């Protein structure tokens, strides 16, 4: 296996994990704040806070293909 492929895949997966982690922490903090203040959750705000979760999931799913394409382009 090409070491550049492994590095590119690792970097992309770490980036995706960061997006997912930040999104989950934002959602948890928002839920905790609303629970503490006894206020109803807003679906629009929850949707807004979950955008990085969707982006991170997309990057995680496509990381292998993107790493393969990146290393193929760099080898040429």
Protein backbone atom coordinates (compact mmCIF):
# COMPACT_ATOMS: atom_id res chain seq x y z
CA UNK A 1 0.00 0.00 0.00
CA UNK A 2 1.26 3.43 -0.94
CA UNK A 3 2.38 5.41 2.15
CA UNK A 4 1.04 8.63 0.65
CA UNK A 5 -2.39 7.03 0.31
CA UNK A 6 -2.33 6.03 3.96
CA UNK A 7 -1.30 9.54 5.05
CA UNK A 8 -3.95 11.20 2.90
CA UNK A 9 -6.64 8.81 4.14
CA UNK A 10 -5.60 9.37 7.75
CA UNK A 11 -5.68 13.16 7.38
CA UNK A 12 -9.10 13.07 5.73
CA UNK A 13 -10.49 10.72 8.39
CA UNK A 14 -9.11 12.90 11.19
CA UNK A 15 -10.70 15.95 9.55
CA UNK A 16 -14.02 14.10 9.33
CA UNK A 17 -13.77 13.00 12.95
CA UNK A 18 -13.14 16.62 13.96
CA UNK A 19 -16.26 17.78 12.13
CA UNK A 20 -18.35 15.05 13.76
CA UNK A 21 -16.93 15.73 17.22
CA UNK A 22 -17.50 19.49 17.01
CA UNK A 23 -21.05 18.99 15.78
CA UNK A 24 -21.91 16.50 18.52
CA UNK A 25 -20.44 18.77 21.18
CA UNK A 26 -22.40 21.75 19.84
CA UNK A 27 -25.62 19.74 19.84
CA UNK A 28 -24.98 18.47 23.37
CA UNK A 29 -24.23 21.96 24.68
CA UNK A 30 -27.37 23.32 23.01
CA UNK A 31 -29.48 20.46 24.43
CA UNK A 32 -28.01 20.97 27.91
CA UNK A 33 -28.66 24.72 27.75
CA UNK A 34 -32.27 24.25 26.65
CA UNK A 35 -32.84 21.51 29.24
CA UNK A 36 -31.42 23.66 32.01
CA UNK A 37 -33.51 26.72 31.07
CA UNK A 38 -36.66 24.58 30.54
CA UNK A 39 -37.11 25.88 26.99
CA UNK A 40 -38.26 23.85 23.99
CA UNK A 41 -35.64 22.82 21.44
CA UNK A 42 -35.79 24.53 18.09
CA UNK A 43 -35.64 22.09 15.15
CA UNK A 44 -34.18 24.79 12.92
CA UNK A 45 -31.34 25.49 15.32
CA UNK A 46 -30.67 21.75 15.77
CA UNK A 47 -30.56 21.40 11.99
CA UNK A 48 -28.14 24.30 11.77
CA UNK A 49 -25.88 22.76 14.41
CA UNK A 50 -25.91 19.37 12.66
CA UNK A 51 -24.53 20.71 9.34
CA UNK A 52 -20.92 19.84 10.35
CA UNK A 53 -22.14 16.35 11.25
CA UNK A 54 -23.40 15.84 7.71
CA UNK A 55 -20.18 17.27 6.22
CA UNK A 56 -18.03 15.08 8.48
CA UNK A 57 -20.03 11.98 7.58
CA UNK A 58 -19.67 12.75 3.89
CA UNK A 59 -15.92 13.23 4.22
CA UNK A 60 -15.65 10.00 6.21
CA UNK A 61 -17.54 8.00 3.60
CA UNK A 62 -15.63 9.47 0.65
CA UNK A 63 -12.17 9.65 2.30
CA UNK A 64 -10.86 6.47 0.72
CA UNK A 65 -11.81 7.50 -2.81
CA UNK A 66 -10.50 11.03 -2.32
CA UNK A 67 -7.19 9.75 -0.89
CA UNK A 68 -6.82 7.33 -3.83
CA UNK A 69 -7.52 10.12 -6.32
CA UNK A 70 -5.13 12.51 -4.57
CA UNK A 71 -2.25 10.03 -4.54
CA UNK A 72 -2.91 9.06 -8.16
CA UNK A 73 -2.78 12.73 -9.18
CA UNK A 74 0.43 13.33 -7.20
CA UNK A 75 2.14 10.26 -8.69
CA UNK A 76 1.75 11.57 -12.23
